[in-house]
Amino acid sequence: MSTLFISDLHLSPQHPELTQLFIKFLQHEAPHAEKLYILGDLFEVWLGDDMVLPDYQQAIKEIKQLSESVPVLVMHGNRDFLMRETFAAMSGCTLLSDSEIIDLYGTPTLLLHGDTLCTDDKAYQDFRNMVRNPDWQKELLAKSPEERLALAKKYREISKTETEGKTNEIMDVNQQTVETVMKQSGVTQLIHGHTHRPAIHDLKLDNQNAKRIVLGDWQETQGSMLVCDSSACELRAVTLNS
């Protein structure tokens, strides 16, 4: 048996083929796992449990069906941080905190979405602090669905413009932040997404061997998953033919 990790699917009405790839994964790959972890940005946008987009319903139904036999644990990303208890009930999943430490086959492992590690991107960190403020979220959720959609569109356009002017280095993780967070958490293994740069990085923490595993994002015809068992962790592709 193995444990699966995925992130950054960014399911959206604009890409129905991506939703179908995810559903195939839920029906054929995930049922054989001990657990499935989704480490953020399952959806491109989530504007509150009270306004679930119709295009998300099928994916949520399939997650619910899987959860009856395989635990599904979901972490908020920077796109879907407004998922709450109603989503958990609809999907059958367990919502995780923004930082979780698990025992992964004997290895203490820190799970993050990954955006908090990108500390060189000051503008993004300021934005994240704003939207994660409970008062800001309360004010947003009090708005009408139309107002929320308009605000989300505005922020996406701002984000796109700002991203085009940033270097790859600024948008990637800060290595010193990675090491500090891992030391503070007392772990030698970290799994995260967000950067869309799948890789397994070896590093040293106080002369101890350590690993930082980065999950890949999902495209229309190919997804990415991390498969871990008692012997190793391996990044694998998810395709319609797999």
Protein backbone atom coordinates (compact mmCIF):
# COMPACT_ATOMS: atom_id res chain seq x y z
CA MET A 1 0.00 0.00 0.00
CA SER A 2 1.09 3.57 -0.63
CA THR A 3 0.18 7.14 0.27
CA LEU A 4 -0.54 9.59 -2.54
CA PHE A 5 0.07 13.34 -2.62
CA ILE A 6 -1.18 15.79 -5.25
CA SER A 7 -1.59 19.56 -5.48
CA ASP A 8 -2.21 22.46 -7.84
CA LEU A 9 -4.93 20.96 -9.97
CA HIS A 10 -6.62 24.35 -10.40
CA LEU A 11 -9.91 22.78 -11.50
CA SER A 12 -12.02 25.32 -13.36
CA PRO A 13 -15.00 25.57 -15.74
CA GLN A 14 -12.58 26.67 -18.46
CA HIS A 15 -10.79 23.30 -18.45
CA PRO A 16 -13.34 20.45 -18.25
CA GLU A 17 -10.76 17.97 -19.61
CA LEU A 18 -8.66 18.55 -16.48
CA THR A 19 -11.64 17.68 -14.31
CA GLN A 20 -12.11 14.46 -16.27
CA LEU A 21 -8.44 13.56 -15.78
CA PHE A 22 -8.83 14.12 -12.04
CA ILE A 23 -11.97 11.98 -11.92
CA LYS A 24 -10.16 9.16 -13.73
CA PHE A 25 -7.39 9.44 -11.14
CA LEU A 26 -9.95 9.22 -8.32
CA GLN A 27 -11.58 6.17 -9.88
CA HIS A 28 -8.50 4.19 -10.92
CA GLU A 29 -5.36 5.30 -9.03
CA ALA A 30 -6.54 6.62 -5.69
CA PRO A 31 -8.68 3.62 -4.57
CA HIS A 32 -5.50 1.55 -4.15
CA ALA A 33 -3.91 4.03 -1.73
CA GLU A 34 -3.90 4.10 2.06
CA LYS A 35 -4.54 7.84 2.03
CA LEU A 36 -4.79 10.70 -0.45
CA TYR A 37 -3.41 14.12 0.45
CA ILE A 38 -4.36 17.15 -1.66
CA LEU A 39 -1.98 19.94 -0.68
CA GLY A 40 -3.77 23.02 -1.91
CA ASP A 41 -5.22 24.64 -5.03
CA LEU A 42 -7.58 21.82 -5.83
CA PHE A 43 -9.76 24.53 -7.37
CA GLU A 44 -8.78 27.58 -9.37
CA VAL A 45 -11.12 29.65 -7.23
CA TRP A 46 -13.35 28.95 -4.23
CA LEU A 47 -15.40 31.92 -3.12
CA GLY A 48 -17.25 30.32 -0.24
CA ASP A 49 -19.07 27.11 0.57
CA ASP A 50 -22.36 28.84 -0.24
CA MET A 51 -21.55 29.35 -3.92
CA VAL A 52 -20.09 26.12 -5.26
CA LEU A 53 -19.73 26.39 -9.04
CA PRO A 54 -21.81 23.78 -10.92
CA ASP A 55 -18.70 22.61 -12.75
CA TYR A 56 -17.19 21.50 -9.43
CA GLN A 57 -20.06 19.24 -8.43
CA GLN A 58 -18.91 16.15 -10.30
CA ALA A 59 -15.39 16.29 -8.84
CA ILE A 60 -16.77 16.79 -5.33
CA LYS A 61 -19.10 13.82 -5.78
CA GLU A 62 -16.20 11.61 -6.85
CA ILE A 63 -14.07 12.73 -3.89
CA LYS A 64 -16.98 11.84 -1.62
CA GLN A 65 -17.24 8.39 -3.12
CA LEU A 66 -13.51 7.78 -2.73
CA SER A 67 -13.58 9.00 0.87
CA GLU A 68 -15.87 6.13 1.82
CA SER A 69 -12.93 3.74 1.45
CA VAL A 70 -9.79 5.94 1.36
CA PRO A 71 -9.21 8.91 3.70
CA VAL A 72 -8.91 12.14 1.71
CA LEU A 73 -7.12 15.00 3.46
CA VAL A 74 -7.21 18.46 1.91
CA MET A 75 -5.07 21.50 2.64
CA HIS A 76 -5.97 25.04 1.63
CA GLY A 77 -3.99 26.63 -1.19
CA ASN A 78 -3.70 30.24 -2.22
CA ARG A 79 -6.70 29.82 -4.55
CA ASP A 80 -9.15 27.87 -2.37
CA PHE A 81 -8.47 29.03 1.19
CA LEU A 82 -12.18 29.73 1.79
CA MET A 83 -13.15 26.05 1.86
CA ARG A 84 -14.89 25.33 5.16
CA GLU A 85 -16.94 22.70 6.98
CA THR A 86 -19.69 22.53 4.35
CA PHE A 87 -17.15 21.63 1.68
CA ALA A 88 -15.69 18.99 3.99
CA ALA A 89 -19.14 17.49 4.51
CA MET A 90 -19.95 17.55 0.78
CA SER A 91 -16.67 15.92 -0.20
CA GLY A 92 -16.16 13.61 2.77
CA CYS A 93 -12.64 14.95 3.18
CA THR A 94 -10.77 16.13 6.27
CA LEU A 95 -9.55 19.72 6.10
CA LEU A 96 -5.97 20.15 7.28
CA SER A 97 -4.35 23.17 8.86
CA ASP A 98 -1.86 25.23 6.84
CA SER A 99 0.99 23.25 8.39
CA GLU A 100 0.80 19.56 9.25
CA ILE A 101 3.41 17.10 10.50
CA ILE A 102 2.69 13.45 9.74
CA ASP A 103 4.52 10.18 10.30
CA LEU A 104 5.16 8.98 6.76
CA TYR A 105 6.28 5.36 7.14
CA GLY A 106 8.53 6.25 10.05
CA THR A 107 9.76 9.60 8.69
CA PRO A 108 8.38 12.75 10.34
CA THR A 109 7.24 14.82 7.37
CA LEU A 110 6.06 18.42 7.17
CA LEU A 111 3.22 19.16 4.75
CA LEU A 112 2.66 22.68 3.39
CA HIS A 113 0.99 24.19 0.35
CA GLY A 114 4.28 25.98 -0.25
CA ASP A 115 3.37 29.63 -0.69
CA THR A 116 4.63 30.58 2.78
CA LEU A 117 8.12 29.48 1.70
CA CYS A 118 8.26 32.08 -1.11
CA THR A 119 9.40 34.84 1.22
CA ASP A 120 11.34 36.75 -1.45
CA ASP A 121 8.01 37.66 -3.04
CA LYS A 122 7.14 40.47 -0.62
CA ALA A 123 4.10 41.65 -2.59
CA TYR A 124 2.55 38.19 -2.54
CA GLN A 125 3.21 37.72 1.18
CA ASP A 126 1.49 41.06 1.89
CA PHE A 127 -1.49 39.95 -0.20
CA ARG A 128 -1.59 36.59 1.55
CA ASN A 129 -1.63 38.24 4.96
CA MET A 130 -4.55 40.42 3.83
CA VAL A 131 -6.75 37.64 2.46
CA ARG A 132 -6.02 35.28 5.36
CA ASN A 133 -7.20 37.89 7.86
CA PRO A 134 -10.48 36.65 9.41
CA ASP A 135 -12.03 40.14 9.23
CA TRP A 136 -11.24 40.42 5.51
CA GLN A 137 -12.72 36.97 4.88
CA LYS A 138 -15.86 37.80 6.87
CA GLU A 139 -16.34 40.97 4.83
CA LEU A 140 -15.85 39.08 1.56
CA LEU A 141 -18.28 36.30 2.46
CA ALA A 142 -20.91 38.92 3.31
CA LYS A 143 -20.86 40.13 -0.29
CA SER A 144 -23.17 38.80 -2.99
CA PRO A 145 -21.96 36.05 -5.33
CA GLU A 146 -21.73 38.58 -8.16
CA GLU A 147 -19.58 40.90 -6.05
CA ARG A 148 -17.30 38.06 -5.03
CA LEU A 149 -16.84 36.93 -8.62
CA ALA A 150 -16.02 40.47 -9.72
CA LEU A 151 -13.49 40.86 -6.91
CA ALA A 152 -11.87 37.51 -7.73
CA LYS A 153 -11.53 38.57 -11.38
CA LYS A 154 -9.93 41.84 -10.31
CA TYR A 155 -7.37 40.08 -8.11
CA ARG A 156 -6.56 37.54 -10.84
CA GLU A 157 -5.84 40.35 -13.30
CA ILE A 158 -3.62 42.11 -10.77
CA SER A 159 -1.82 38.86 -9.98
CA LYS A 160 -1.24 38.10 -13.67
CA THR A 161 0.21 41.56 -14.28
CA GLU A 162 2.50 41.36 -11.26
CA THR A 163 3.64 37.81 -12.05
CA GLU A 164 4.73 38.81 -15.53
CA GLY A 165 7.16 41.28 -13.97
CA LYS A 166 8.70 38.89 -11.44
CA THR A 167 11.73 36.69 -11.90
CA ASN A 168 11.55 32.93 -11.42
CA GLU A 169 13.86 33.26 -8.42
CA ILE A 170 11.49 35.62 -6.60
CA MET A 171 8.53 33.29 -7.15
CA ASP A 172 10.40 30.20 -5.97
CA VAL A 173 10.99 29.18 -2.36
CA ASN A 174 13.65 30.85 -0.26
CA GLN A 175 16.17 28.18 0.73
CA GLN A 176 16.91 29.76 4.11
CA THR A 177 13.19 29.85 4.89
CA VAL A 178 12.90 26.17 3.93
CA GLU A 179 15.71 25.20 6.28
CA THR A 180 14.42 27.36 9.12
CA VAL A 181 10.88 25.98 8.86
CA MET A 182 12.10 22.39 8.74
CA LYS A 183 14.37 22.88 11.77
CA GLN A 184 11.60 24.56 13.73
CA SER A 185 9.27 21.68 12.89
CA GLY A 186 11.88 19.06 13.78
CA VAL A 187 11.61 17.21 10.48
CA THR A 188 14.00 15.99 7.81
CA GLN A 189 11.37 15.73 5.08
CA LEU A 190 9.12 18.39 3.58
CA ILE A 191 6.41 17.93 0.93
CA HIS A 192 4.80 20.95 -0.73
CA GLY A 193 3.34 22.26 -3.97
CA HIS A 194 2.58 25.80 -5.20
CA THR A 195 5.71 26.46 -7.27
CA HIS A 196 4.82 24.02 -10.08
CA ARG A 197 8.43 22.77 -10.12
CA PRO A 198 8.24 19.03 -9.35
CA ALA A 199 11.50 17.66 -7.99
CA ILE A 200 13.07 15.84 -5.07
CA HIS A 201 15.81 17.98 -3.54
CA ASP A 202 18.44 16.55 -1.20
CA LEU A 203 19.79 18.90 1.46
CA LYS A 204 21.62 18.97 4.76
CA LEU A 205 20.11 20.14 8.05
CA ASP A 206 22.68 20.32 10.83
CA ASN A 207 24.65 17.55 9.11
CA GLN A 208 21.53 15.41 8.73
CA ASN A 209 20.35 14.21 5.34
CA ALA A 210 17.02 15.79 4.46
CA LYS A 211 14.62 16.02 1.52
CA ARG A 212 12.34 18.68 0.06
CA ILE A 213 9.81 17.14 -2.30
CA VAL A 214 7.94 19.48 -4.63
CA LEU A 215 4.67 18.34 -6.18
CA GLY A 216 3.86 19.16 -9.79
CA ASP A 217 0.85 21.00 -11.14
CA TRP A 218 -1.79 19.44 -13.39
CA GLN A 219 -2.32 20.21 -17.06
CA GLU A 220 -5.15 19.22 -19.38
CA THR A 221 -3.61 15.91 -20.48
CA GLN A 222 -1.22 15.12 -17.64
CA GLY A 223 -1.22 15.36 -13.88
CA SER A 224 1.44 14.74 -11.27
CA MET A 225 1.41 12.66 -8.12
CA LEU A 226 3.86 11.63 -5.43
CA VAL A 227 3.69 7.98 -4.46
CA CYS A 228 5.21 7.08 -1.10
CA ASP A 229 5.54 3.70 0.56
CA SER A 230 7.77 2.22 3.24
CA SER A 231 10.76 2.12 0.89
CA ALA A 232 10.75 5.44 -0.99
CA CYS A 233 8.85 8.36 -2.50
CA GLU A 234 8.56 8.75 -6.28
CA LEU A 235 7.06 11.44 -8.51
CA ARG A 236 4.91 9.95 -11.27
CA ALA A 237 2.77 11.28 -14.09
CA VAL A 238 -1.00 10.87 -14.22
CA THR A 239 -2.34 10.46 -17.74
CA LEU A 240 -5.53 9.33 -19.39
CA ASN A 241 -3.72 6.15 -20.43
CA SER A 242 -2.11 5.36 -17.07
